[in-house]
């Protein structure tokens, strides 16, 4: 269950090898062909601004969405702590994305 927060779009660098977190996301999507979403814990200092308190019973995660052209969007989201990253299915992650992503991110996913 997602906390009632608004997500923020973070672009993935054009050169993913320059960013080890982006490279890890790329490797994950390569290993999980057919997946469009990934849920993972945030890397230290991954986001420019502090994420703040996720709320009682919640923890910060990163919802990564793969675009049709191979680029990826990273969206920090506050989710219930008992939702395991590895158990999240694309259909559930898409529902979370649709709830919290800004309109610009939703438009990018459709193209």
PDB file of N, CA and C in Angstrom:
ATOM      1  N   UNK A   1       0.844  -1.166   0.000  1.00  0.00           N
ATOM      2  CA  UNK A   1       0.000   0.000   0.000  1.00  0.00           C
ATOM      3  C   UNK A   1       0.892   1.232   0.000  1.00  0.00           C
ATOM      4  N   UNK A   2       0.602   2.188  -0.842  1.00  0.00           N
ATOM      5  CA  UNK A   2       1.409   3.401  -0.952  1.00  0.00           C
ATOM      6  C   UNK A   2       0.895   4.452   0.017  1.00  0.00           C
ATOM      7  N   UNK A   3       1.833   5.148   0.609  1.00  0.00           N
ATOM      8  CA  UNK A   3       1.483   6.287   1.436  1.00  0.00           C
ATOM      9  C   UNK A   3       0.943   7.375   0.518  1.00  0.00           C
ATOM     10  N   UNK A   4       0.108   8.240   0.986  1.00  0.00           N
ATOM     11  CA  UNK A   4      -0.520   9.260   0.155  1.00  0.00           C
ATOM     12  C   UNK A   4       0.459  10.405  -0.104  1.00  0.00           C
ATOM     13  N   UNK A   5       1.432  10.162  -0.974  1.00  0.00           N
ATOM     14  CA  UNK A   5       2.448  11.150  -1.308  1.00  0.00           C
ATOM     15  C   UNK A   5       2.514  11.312  -2.811  1.00  0.00           C
ATOM     16  N   UNK A   6       3.012  12.449  -3.239  1.00  0.00           N
ATOM     17  CA  UNK A   6       3.205  12.684  -4.662  1.00  0.00           C
ATOM     18  C   UNK A   6       4.620  12.287  -5.031  1.00  0.00           C
ATOM     19  N   UNK A   7       4.772  11.535  -6.091  1.00  0.00           N
ATOM     20  CA  UNK A   7       6.088  11.117  -6.549  1.00  0.00           C
ATOM     21  C   UNK A   7       6.797  12.229  -7.291  1.00  0.00           C
ATOM     22  N   UNK A   8       8.089  12.030  -7.506  1.00  0.00           N
ATOM     23  CA  UNK A   8       8.912  12.996  -8.217  1.00  0.00           C
ATOM     24  C   UNK A   8       9.698  12.245  -9.276  1.00  0.00           C
ATOM     25  N   UNK A   9       9.722  12.786 -10.480  1.00  0.00           N
ATOM     26  CA  UNK A   9      10.417  12.171 -11.595  1.00  0.00           C
ATOM     27  C   UNK A   9      11.906  12.460 -11.509  1.00  0.00           C
ATOM     28  N   UNK A  10      12.726  11.427 -11.652  1.00  0.00           N
ATOM     29  CA  UNK A  10      14.176  11.583 -11.681  1.00  0.00           C
ATOM     30  C   UNK A  10      14.683  10.893 -12.934  1.00  0.00           C
ATOM     31  N   UNK A  11      15.374  11.632 -13.779  1.00  0.00           N
ATOM     32  CA  UNK A  11      15.871  11.073 -15.032  1.00  0.00           C
ATOM     33  C   UNK A  11      17.070  10.181 -14.778  1.00  0.00           C
ATOM     34  N   UNK A  12      17.191   9.152 -15.589  1.00  0.00           N
ATOM     35  CA  UNK A  12      18.359   8.292 -15.563  1.00  0.00           C
ATOM     36  C   UNK A  12      19.373   8.871 -16.537  1.00  0.00           C
ATOM     37  N   UNK A  13      20.658   8.918 -16.172  1.00  0.00           N
ATOM     38  CA  UNK A  13      21.648   9.504 -17.065  1.00  0.00           C
ATOM     39  C   UNK A  13      21.725   8.780 -18.404  1.00  0.00           C
ATOM     40  N   UNK A  14      22.102   9.540 -19.453  1.00  0.00           N
ATOM     41  CA  UNK A  14      22.243   8.957 -20.784  1.00  0.00           C
ATOM     42  C   UNK A  14      23.349   7.906 -20.800  1.00  0.00           C
ATOM     43  N   UNK A  15      24.330   8.048 -19.954  1.00  0.00           N
ATOM     44  CA  UNK A  15      25.441   7.108 -19.850  1.00  0.00           C
ATOM     45  C   UNK A  15      25.291   6.319 -18.541  1.00  0.00           C
ATOM     46  N   UNK A  16      24.495   5.243 -18.509  1.00  0.00           N
ATOM     47  CA  UNK A  16      24.233   4.557 -17.251  1.00  0.00           C
ATOM     48  C   UNK A  16      25.494   4.033 -16.569  1.00  0.00           C
ATOM     49  N   UNK A  17      26.547   3.755 -17.337  1.00  0.00           N
ATOM     50  CA  UNK A  17      27.761   3.247 -16.709  1.00  0.00           C
ATOM     51  C   UNK A  17      28.419   4.293 -15.821  1.00  0.00           C
ATOM     52  N   UNK A  18      28.066   5.583 -16.019  1.00  0.00           N
ATOM     53  CA  UNK A  18      28.612   6.650 -15.182  1.00  0.00           C
ATOM     54  C   UNK A  18      27.939   6.676 -13.816  1.00  0.00           C
ATOM     55  N   UNK A  19      26.810   6.038 -13.690  1.00  0.00           N
ATOM     56  CA  UNK A  19      26.053   5.988 -12.448  1.00  0.00           C
ATOM     57  C   UNK A  19      25.848   4.512 -12.092  1.00  0.00           C
ATOM     58  N   UNK A  20      26.496   4.028 -11.032  1.00  0.00           N
ATOM     59  CA  UNK A  20      26.376   2.596 -10.703  1.00  0.00           C
ATOM     60  C   UNK A  20      24.950   2.152 -10.397  1.00  0.00           C
ATOM     61  N   UNK A  21      24.122   3.044  -9.858  1.00  0.00           N
ATOM     62  CA  UNK A  21      22.726   2.680  -9.566  1.00  0.00           C
ATOM     63  C   UNK A  21      21.963   2.493 -10.878  1.00  0.00           C
ATOM     64  N   UNK A  22      22.181   3.394 -11.834  1.00  0.00           N
ATOM     65  CA  UNK A  22      21.540   3.258 -13.149  1.00  0.00           C
ATOM     66  C   UNK A  22      22.023   2.000 -13.859  1.00  0.00           C
ATOM     67  N   UNK A  23      23.309   1.691 -13.719  1.00  0.00           N
ATOM     68  CA  UNK A  23      23.860   0.475 -14.329  1.00  0.00           C
ATOM     69  C   UNK A  23      23.228  -0.776 -13.712  1.00  0.00           C
ATOM     70  N   UNK A  24      23.009  -0.751 -12.405  1.00  0.00           N
ATOM     71  CA  UNK A  24      22.372  -1.886 -11.735  1.00  0.00           C
ATOM     72  C   UNK A  24      20.925  -2.052 -12.202  1.00  0.00           C
ATOM     73  N   UNK A  25      20.214  -0.936 -12.381  1.00  0.00           N
ATOM     74  CA  UNK A  25      18.842  -1.013 -12.904  1.00  0.00           C
ATOM     75  C   UNK A  25      18.840  -1.603 -14.309  1.00  0.00           C
ATOM     76  N   UNK A  26      19.758  -1.144 -15.149  1.00  0.00           N
ATOM     77  CA  UNK A  26      19.857  -1.657 -16.514  1.00  0.00           C
ATOM     78  C   UNK A  26      20.125  -3.158 -16.497  1.00  0.00           C
ATOM     79  N   UNK A  27      21.047  -3.598 -15.656  1.00  0.00           N
ATOM     80  CA  UNK A  27      21.361  -5.025 -15.559  1.00  0.00           C
ATOM     81  C   UNK A  27      20.147  -5.820 -15.077  1.00  0.00           C
ATOM     82  N   UNK A  28      19.386  -5.267 -14.131  1.00  0.00           N
ATOM     83  CA  UNK A  28      18.205  -5.968 -13.623  1.00  0.00           C
ATOM     84  C   UNK A  28      17.183  -6.151 -14.737  1.00  0.00           C
ATOM     85  N   UNK A  29      16.914  -5.085 -15.506  1.00  0.00           N
ATOM     86  CA  UNK A  29      15.932  -5.204 -16.588  1.00  0.00           C
ATOM     87  C   UNK A  29      16.417  -6.140 -17.690  1.00  0.00           C
ATOM     88  N   UNK A  30      17.718  -6.183 -17.928  1.00  0.00           N
ATOM     89  CA  UNK A  30      18.271  -7.115 -18.910  1.00  0.00           C
ATOM     90  C   UNK A  30      18.053  -8.555 -18.443  1.00  0.00           C
ATOM     91  N   UNK A  31      18.232  -8.796 -17.164  1.00  0.00           N
ATOM     92  CA  UNK A  31      18.052 -10.137 -16.603  1.00  0.00           C
ATOM     93  C   UNK A  31      16.584 -10.526 -16.450  1.00  0.00           C
ATOM     94  N   UNK A  32      15.687  -9.557 -16.443  1.00  0.00           N
ATOM     95  CA  UNK A  32      14.254  -9.815 -16.259  1.00  0.00           C
ATOM     96  C   UNK A  32      13.490  -9.304 -17.485  1.00  0.00           C
ATOM     97  N   UNK A  33      13.785  -9.925 -18.602  1.00  0.00           N
ATOM     98  CA  UNK A  33      13.168  -9.527 -19.869  1.00  0.00           C
ATOM     99  C   UNK A  33      11.644  -9.575 -19.756  1.00  0.00           C
ATOM    100  N   UNK A  34      11.001  -8.589 -20.304  1.00  0.00           N
ATOM    101  CA  UNK A  34       9.545  -8.511 -20.256  1.00  0.00           C
ATOM    102  C   UNK A  34       9.010  -7.687 -19.100  1.00  0.00           C
ATOM    103  N   UNK A  35       9.833  -7.402 -18.106  1.00  0.00           N
ATOM    104  CA  UNK A  35       9.387  -6.575 -16.977  1.00  0.00           C
ATOM    105  C   UNK A  35       9.491  -5.102 -17.361  1.00  0.00           C
ATOM    106  N   UNK A  36       8.537  -4.308 -16.890  1.00  0.00           N
ATOM    107  CA  UNK A  36       8.540  -2.862 -17.140  1.00  0.00           C
ATOM    108  C   UNK A  36       8.752  -2.071 -15.864  1.00  0.00           C
ATOM    109  N   UNK A  37       8.630  -2.725 -14.704  1.00  0.00           N
ATOM    110  CA  UNK A  37       8.773  -2.038 -13.423  1.00  0.00           C
ATOM    111  C   UNK A  37       9.670  -2.844 -12.493  1.00  0.00           C
ATOM    112  N   UNK A  38      10.381  -2.097 -11.662  1.00  0.00           N
ATOM    113  CA  UNK A  38      11.227  -2.703 -10.638  1.00  0.00           C
ATOM    114  C   UNK A  38      11.037  -1.913  -9.349  1.00  0.00           C
ATOM    115  N   UNK A  39      11.028  -2.617  -8.232  1.00  0.00           N
ATOM    116  CA  UNK A  39      10.967  -1.971  -6.928  1.00  0.00           C
ATOM    117  C   UNK A  39      12.242  -2.329  -6.181  1.00  0.00           C
ATOM    118  N   UNK A  40      12.919  -1.317  -5.635  1.00  0.00           N
ATOM    119  CA  UNK A  40      14.165  -1.556  -4.907  1.00  0.00           C
ATOM    120  C   UNK A  40      14.315  -0.500  -3.822  1.00  0.00           C
ATOM    121  N   UNK A  41      15.276  -0.738  -2.937  1.00  0.00           N
ATOM    122  CA  UNK A  41      15.599   0.253  -1.918  1.00  0.00           C
ATOM    123  C   UNK A  41      16.420   1.379  -2.548  1.00  0.00           C
ATOM    124  N   UNK A  42      16.294   2.590  -2.025  1.00  0.00           N
ATOM    125  CA  UNK A  42      17.106   3.684  -2.572  1.00  0.00           C
ATOM    126  C   UNK A  42      18.576   3.521  -2.195  1.00  0.00           C
ATOM    127  N   UNK A  43      19.435   3.945  -3.090  1.00  0.00           N
ATOM    128  CA  UNK A  43      20.873   3.961  -2.813  1.00  0.00           C
ATOM    129  C   UNK A  43      21.187   5.200  -1.975  1.00  0.00           C
ATOM    130  N   UNK A  44      22.243   5.142  -1.170  1.00  0.00           N
ATOM    131  CA  UNK A  44      22.622   6.333  -0.399  1.00  0.00           C
ATOM    132  C   UNK A  44      22.869   7.525  -1.337  1.00  0.00           C
ATOM    133  N   UNK A  45      22.287   8.648  -1.001  1.00  0.00           N
ATOM    134  CA  UNK A  45      22.448   9.898  -1.753  1.00  0.00           C
ATOM    135  C   UNK A  45      21.993   9.799  -3.206  1.00  0.00           C
ATOM    136  N   UNK A  46      21.071   8.880  -3.487  1.00  0.00           N
ATOM    137  CA  UNK A  46      20.588   8.718  -4.864  1.00  0.00           C
ATOM    138  C   UNK A  46      19.808   9.944  -5.340  1.00  0.00           C
ATOM    139  N   UNK A  47      19.098  10.574  -4.426  1.00  0.00           N
ATOM    140  CA  UNK A  47      18.278  11.718  -4.801  1.00  0.00           C
ATOM    141  C   UNK A  47      18.880  12.995  -4.244  1.00  0.00           C
ATOM    142  N   UNK A  48      18.774  14.039  -5.020  1.00  0.00           N
ATOM    143  CA  UNK A  48      19.369  15.328  -4.663  1.00  0.00           C
ATOM    144  C   UNK A  48      18.818  15.862  -3.350  1.00  0.00           C
ATOM    145  N   UNK A  49      17.507  15.834  -3.204  1.00  0.00           N
ATOM    146  CA  UNK A  49      16.851  16.341  -1.999  1.00  0.00           C
ATOM    147  C   UNK A  49      16.584  15.200  -1.029  1.00  0.00           C
ATOM    148  N   UNK A  50      16.673  15.474   0.284  1.00  0.00           N
ATOM    149  CA  UNK A  50      16.315  14.436   1.261  1.00  0.00           C
ATOM    150  C   UNK A  50      14.861  13.999   1.070  1.00  0.00           C
ATOM    151  N   UNK A  51      14.605  12.734   1.276  1.00  0.00           N
ATOM    152  CA  UNK A  51      13.261  12.202   1.072  1.00  0.00           C
ATOM    153  C   UNK A  51      12.343  12.470   2.255  1.00  0.00           C
ATOM    154  N   UNK A  52      12.905  12.724   3.414  1.00  0.00           N
ATOM    155  CA  UNK A  52      12.067  12.997   4.577  1.00  0.00           C
ATOM    156  C   UNK A  52      11.564  11.728   5.229  1.00  0.00           C
ATOM    157  N   UNK A  53      10.604  11.890   6.116  1.00  0.00           N
ATOM    158  CA  UNK A  53      10.037  10.780   6.869  1.00  0.00           C
ATOM    159  C   UNK A  53       9.013  10.058   5.991  1.00  0.00           C
ATOM    160  N   UNK A  54       9.157   8.744   5.802  1.00  0.00           N
ATOM    161  CA  UNK A  54       8.203   8.033   4.964  1.00  0.00           C
ATOM    162  C   UNK A  54       6.850   7.816   5.634  1.00  0.00           C
ATOM    163  N   UNK A  55       6.778   7.990   6.957  1.00  0.00           N
ATOM    164  CA  UNK A  55       5.534   7.764   7.694  1.00  0.00           C
ATOM    165  C   UNK A  55       5.613   6.474   8.500  1.00  0.00           C
ATOM    166  N   UNK A  56       4.815   6.397   9.542  1.00  0.00           N
ATOM    167  CA  UNK A  56       4.805   5.210  10.399  1.00  0.00           C
ATOM    168  C   UNK A  56       4.386   3.974   9.612  1.00  0.00           C
ATOM    169  N   UNK A  57       5.186   2.922   9.696  1.00  0.00           N
ATOM    170  CA  UNK A  57       4.872   1.673   9.007  1.00  0.00           C
ATOM    171  C   UNK A  57       5.256   1.678   7.539  1.00  0.00           C
ATOM    172  N   UNK A  58       5.936   2.728   7.085  1.00  0.00           N
ATOM    173  CA  UNK A  58       6.310   2.860   5.684  1.00  0.00           C
ATOM    174  C   UNK A  58       7.820   3.007   5.568  1.00  0.00           C
ATOM    175  N   UNK A  59       8.346   2.715   4.387  1.00  0.00           N
ATOM    176  CA  UNK A  59       9.766   2.928   4.107  1.00  0.00           C
ATOM    177  C   UNK A  59       9.907   3.452   2.679  1.00  0.00           C
ATOM    178  N   UNK A  60      11.006   4.164   2.456  1.00  0.00           N
ATOM    179  CA  UNK A  60      11.252   4.692   1.116  1.00  0.00           C
ATOM    180  C   UNK A  60      11.737   3.579   0.198  1.00  0.00           C
ATOM    181  N   UNK A  61      11.195   3.561  -0.997  1.00  0.00           N
ATOM    182  CA  UNK A  61      11.614   2.638  -2.058  1.00  0.00           C
ATOM    183  C   UNK A  61      11.775   3.455  -3.329  1.00  0.00           C
ATOM    184  N   UNK A  62      12.336   2.816  -4.326  1.00  0.00           N
ATOM    185  CA  UNK A  62      12.440   3.430  -5.649  1.00  0.00           C
ATOM    186  C   UNK A  62      11.671   2.542  -6.611  1.00  0.00           C
ATOM    187  N   UNK A  63      10.699   3.145  -7.274  1.00  0.00           N
ATOM    188  CA  UNK A  63       9.943   2.464  -8.321  1.00  0.00           C
ATOM    189  C   UNK A  63      10.589   2.866  -9.641  1.00  0.00           C
ATOM    190  N   UNK A  64      11.176   1.893 -10.318  1.00  0.00           N
ATOM    191  CA  UNK A  64      11.867   2.145 -11.583  1.00  0.00           C
ATOM    192  C   UNK A  64      10.952   1.669 -12.705  1.00  0.00           C
ATOM    193  N   UNK A  65      10.687   2.554 -13.661  1.00  0.00           N
ATOM    194  CA  UNK A  65       9.845   2.224 -14.806  1.00  0.00           C
ATOM    195  C   UNK A  65      10.699   2.240 -16.066  1.00  0.00           C
ATOM    196  N   UNK A  66      10.613   1.188 -16.854  1.00  0.00           N
ATOM    197  CA  UNK A  66      11.363   1.099 -18.104  1.00  0.00           C
ATOM    198  C   UNK A  66      10.501   1.652 -19.234  1.00  0.00           C
ATOM    199  N   UNK A  67      11.038   2.624 -19.957  1.00  0.00           N
ATOM    200  CA  UNK A  67      10.333   3.209 -21.088  1.00  0.00           C
ATOM    201  C   UNK A  67      10.535   2.360 -22.335  1.00  0.00           C
ATOM    202  N   UNK A  68       9.710   2.591 -23.348  1.00  0.00           N
ATOM    203  CA  UNK A  68       9.777   1.808 -24.583  1.00  0.00           C
ATOM    204  C   UNK A  68      11.141   1.919 -25.260  1.00  0.00           C
ATOM    205  N   UNK A  69      11.801   3.061 -25.127  1.00  0.00           N
ATOM    206  CA  UNK A  69      13.099   3.262 -25.780  1.00  0.00           C
ATOM    207  C   UNK A  69      14.269   2.764 -24.930  1.00  0.00           C
ATOM    208  N   UNK A  70      13.978   2.125 -23.790  1.00  0.00           N
ATOM    209  CA  UNK A  70      15.023   1.575 -22.946  1.00  0.00           C
ATOM    210  C   UNK A  70      15.454   2.474 -21.803  1.00  0.00           C
ATOM    211  N   UNK A  71      15.119   3.762 -21.869  1.00  0.00           N
ATOM    212  CA  UNK A  71      15.437   4.639 -20.741  1.00  0.00           C
ATOM    213  C   UNK A  71      14.595   4.228 -19.550  1.00  0.00           C
ATOM    214  N   UNK A  72      14.989   4.728 -18.371  1.00  0.00           N
ATOM    215  CA  UNK A  72      14.272   4.377 -17.153  1.00  0.00           C
ATOM    216  C   UNK A  72      13.960   5.623 -16.342  1.00  0.00           C
ATOM    217  N   UNK A  73      12.814   5.592 -15.664  1.00  0.00           N
ATOM    218  CA  UNK A  73      12.423   6.644 -14.736  1.00  0.00           C
ATOM    219  C   UNK A  73      12.561   6.086 -13.326  1.00  0.00           C
ATOM    220  N   UNK A  74      13.059   6.905 -12.423  1.00  0.00           N
ATOM    221  CA  UNK A  74      13.161   6.509 -11.019  1.00  0.00           C
ATOM    222  C   UNK A  74      12.237   7.396 -10.211  1.00  0.00           C
ATOM    223  N   UNK A  75      11.381   6.776  -9.423  1.00  0.00           N
ATOM    224  CA  UNK A  75      10.368   7.493  -8.677  1.00  0.00           C
ATOM    225  C   UNK A  75      10.435   7.072  -7.213  1.00  0.00           C
ATOM    226  N   UNK A  76      10.855   7.976  -6.311  1.00  0.00           N
ATOM    227  CA  UNK A  76      10.847   7.611  -4.897  1.00  0.00           C
ATOM    228  C   UNK A  76       9.412   7.536  -4.386  1.00  0.00           C
ATOM    229  N   UNK A  77       9.082   6.439  -3.717  1.00  0.00           N
ATOM    230  CA  UNK A  77       7.737   6.259  -3.180  1.00  0.00           C
ATOM    231  C   UNK A  77       7.822   5.717  -1.761  1.00  0.00           C
ATOM    232  N   UNK A  78       6.869   6.081  -0.949  1.00  0.00           N
ATOM    233  CA  UNK A  78       6.760   5.589   0.414  1.00  0.00           C
ATOM    234  C   UNK A  78       5.744   4.453   0.414  1.00  0.00           C
ATOM    235  N   UNK A  79       6.225   3.247   0.760  1.00  0.00           N
ATOM    236  CA  UNK A  79       5.372   2.064   0.719  1.00  0.00           C
ATOM    237  C   UNK A  79       5.388   1.347   2.061  1.00  0.00           C
ATOM    238  N   UNK A  80       4.350   0.577   2.311  1.00  0.00           N
ATOM    239  CA  UNK A  80       4.283  -0.208   3.541  1.00  0.00           C
ATOM    240  C   UNK A  80       5.540  -1.061   3.665  1.00  0.00           C
ATOM    241  N   UNK A  81       6.120  -1.073   4.849  1.00  0.00           N
ATOM    242  CA  UNK A  81       7.393  -1.747   5.066  1.00  0.00           C
ATOM    243  C   UNK A  81       7.322  -3.237   4.801  1.00  0.00           C
ATOM    244  N   UNK A  82       6.130  -3.833   4.909  1.00  0.00           N
ATOM    245  CA  UNK A  82       6.034  -5.280   4.733  1.00  0.00           C
ATOM    246  C   UNK A  82       5.873  -5.720   3.276  1.00  0.00           C
ATOM    247  N   UNK A  83       5.860  -4.773   2.341  1.00  0.00           N
ATOM    248  CA  UNK A  83       5.853  -5.124   0.920  1.00  0.00           C
ATOM    249  C   UNK A  83       7.296  -5.408   0.506  1.00  0.00           C
ATOM    250  N   UNK A  84       7.577  -6.642   0.131  1.00  0.00           N
ATOM    251  CA  UNK A  84       8.935  -7.036  -0.238  1.00  0.00           C
ATOM    252  C   UNK A  84       9.221  -6.652  -1.686  1.00  0.00           C
ATOM    253  N   UNK A  85      10.365  -6.074  -1.917  1.00  0.00           N
ATOM    254  CA  UNK A  85      10.743  -5.626  -3.257  1.00  0.00           C
ATOM    255  C   UNK A  85      10.683  -6.748  -4.280  1.00  0.00           C
ATOM    256  N   UNK A  86      11.204  -7.899  -3.943  1.00  0.00           N
ATOM    257  CA  UNK A  86      11.296  -9.006  -4.898  1.00  0.00           C
ATOM    258  C   UNK A  86       9.956  -9.675  -5.195  1.00  0.00           C
ATOM    259  N   UNK A  87       8.953  -9.434  -4.379  1.00  0.00           N
ATOM    260  CA  UNK A  87       7.651 -10.061  -4.588  1.00  0.00           C
ATOM    261  C   UNK A  87       6.697  -9.186  -5.394  1.00  0.00           C
ATOM    262  N   UNK A  88       7.085  -7.947  -5.648  1.00  0.00           N
ATOM    263  CA  UNK A  88       6.203  -7.010  -6.355  1.00  0.00           C
ATOM    264  C   UNK A  88       6.107  -7.378  -7.836  1.00  0.00           C
ATOM    265  N   UNK A  89       4.913  -7.546  -8.315  1.00  0.00           N
ATOM    266  CA  UNK A  89       4.661  -7.890  -9.714  1.00  0.00           C
ATOM    267  C   UNK A  89       4.419  -6.613 -10.528  1.00  0.00           C
ATOM    268  N   UNK A  90       4.648  -6.703 -11.828  1.00  0.00           N
ATOM    269  CA  UNK A  90       4.478  -5.546 -12.705  1.00  0.00           C
ATOM    270  C   UNK A  90       3.080  -4.924 -12.586  1.00  0.00           C
ATOM    271  N   UNK A  91       2.043  -5.767 -12.523  1.00  0.00           N
ATOM    272  CA  UNK A  91       0.679  -5.223 -12.476  1.00  0.00           C
ATOM    273  C   UNK A  91       0.451  -4.390 -11.215  1.00  0.00           C
ATOM    274  N   UNK A  92       1.029  -4.818 -10.101  1.00  0.00           N
ATOM    275  CA  UNK A  92       0.878  -4.064  -8.855  1.00  0.00           C
ATOM    276  C   UNK A  92       1.720  -2.792  -8.895  1.00  0.00           C
ATOM    277  N   UNK A  93       2.921  -2.898  -9.423  1.00  0.00           N
ATOM    278  CA  UNK A  93       3.789  -1.727  -9.509  1.00  0.00           C
ATOM    279  C   UNK A  93       3.212  -0.694 -10.477  1.00  0.00           C
ATOM    280  N   UNK A  94       2.544  -1.150 -11.526  1.00  0.00           N
ATOM    281  CA  UNK A  94       1.895  -0.220 -12.458  1.00  0.00           C
ATOM    282  C   UNK A  94       0.779   0.549 -11.744  1.00  0.00           C
ATOM    283  N   UNK A  95       0.021  -0.136 -10.888  1.00  0.00           N
ATOM    284  CA  UNK A  95      -1.037   0.542 -10.140  1.00  0.00           C
ATOM    285  C   UNK A  95      -0.450   1.597  -9.208  1.00  0.00           C
ATOM    286  N   UNK A  96       0.655   1.271  -8.546  1.00  0.00           N
ATOM    287  CA  UNK A  96       1.310   2.253  -7.670  1.00  0.00           C
ATOM    288  C   UNK A  96       1.824   3.419  -8.500  1.00  0.00           C
ATOM    289  N   UNK A  97       2.455   3.123  -9.628  1.00  0.00           N
ATOM    290  CA  UNK A  97       2.962   4.172 -10.518  1.00  0.00           C
ATOM    291  C   UNK A  97       1.826   5.106 -10.933  1.00  0.00           C
ATOM    292  N   UNK A  98       0.707   4.542 -11.343  1.00  0.00           N
ATOM    293  CA  UNK A  98      -0.438   5.357 -11.775  1.00  0.00           C
ATOM    294  C   UNK A  98      -0.985   6.229 -10.648  1.00  0.00           C
ATOM    295  N   UNK A  99      -0.840   5.788  -9.401  1.00  0.00           N
ATOM    296  CA  UNK A  99      -1.339   6.555  -8.259  1.00  0.00           C
ATOM    297  C   UNK A  99      -0.427   7.714  -7.885  1.00  0.00           C
ATOM    298  N   UNK A 100       0.884   7.515  -7.977  1.00  0.00           N
ATOM    299  CA  UNK A 100       1.798   8.506  -7.399  1.00  0.00           C
ATOM    300  C   UNK A 100       2.647   9.275  -8.407  1.00  0.00           C
ATOM    301  N   UNK A 101       2.762   8.797  -9.625  1.00  0.00           N
ATOM    302  CA  UNK A 101       3.641   9.450 -10.596  1.00  0.00           C
ATOM    303  C   UNK A 101       3.066  10.784 -11.069  1.00  0.00           C
ATOM    304  N   UNK A 102       3.930  11.772 -11.287  1.00  0.00           N
ATOM    305  CA  UNK A 102       3.470  13.030 -11.876  1.00  0.00           C
ATOM    306  C   UNK A 102       3.024  12.794 -13.322  1.00  0.00           C
ATOM    307  N   UNK A 103       2.207  13.695 -13.816  1.00  0.00           N
ATOM    308  CA  UNK A 103       1.656  13.536 -15.176  1.00  0.00           C
ATOM    309  C   UNK A 103       2.750  13.412 -16.229  1.00  0.00           C
ATOM    310  N   UNK A 104       3.853  14.129 -16.056  1.00  0.00           N
ATOM    311  CA  UNK A 104       4.955  14.060 -17.032  1.00  0.00           C
ATOM    312  C   UNK A 104       5.499  12.630 -17.112  1.00  0.00           C
ATOM    313  N   UNK A 105       5.638  11.977 -15.990  1.00  0.00           N
ATOM    314  CA  UNK A 105       6.135  10.596 -15.974  1.00  0.00           C
ATOM    315  C   UNK A 105       5.131   9.662 -16.638  1.00  0.00           C
ATOM    316  N   UNK A 106       3.851   9.853 -16.358  1.00  0.00           N
ATOM    317  CA  UNK A 106       2.821   9.014 -16.977  1.00  0.00           C
ATOM    318  C   UNK A 106       2.835   9.175 -18.486  1.00  0.00           C
ATOM    319  N   UNK A 107       3.015  10.401 -18.956  1.00  0.00           N
ATOM    320  CA  UNK A 107       3.053  10.658 -20.403  1.00  0.00           C
ATOM    321  C   UNK A 107       4.269   9.990 -21.037  1.00  0.00           C
ATOM    322  N   UNK A 108       5.412  10.003 -20.369  1.00  0.00           N
ATOM    323  CA  UNK A 108       6.617   9.367 -20.892  1.00  0.00           C
ATOM    324  C   UNK A 108       6.440   7.849 -20.985  1.00  0.00           C
ATOM    325  N   UNK A 109       5.737   7.276 -20.044  1.00  0.00           N
ATOM    326  CA  UNK A 109       5.541   5.832 -20.042  1.00  0.00           C
ATOM    327  C   UNK A 109       4.647   5.392 -21.216  1.00  0.00           C
ATOM    328  N   UNK A 110       3.734   6.259 -21.622  1.00  0.00           N
ATOM    329  CA  UNK A 110       2.807   5.924 -22.704  1.00  0.00           C
ATOM    330  C   UNK A 110       3.459   5.987 -24.071  1.00  0.00           C
ATOM    331  N   UNK A 111       4.558   6.737 -24.192  1.00  0.00           N
ATOM    332  CA  UNK A 111       5.186   6.890 -25.521  1.00  0.00           C
ATOM    333  C   UNK A 111       6.091   5.741 -25.835  1.00  0.00           C
TER     334      UNK A 111
END
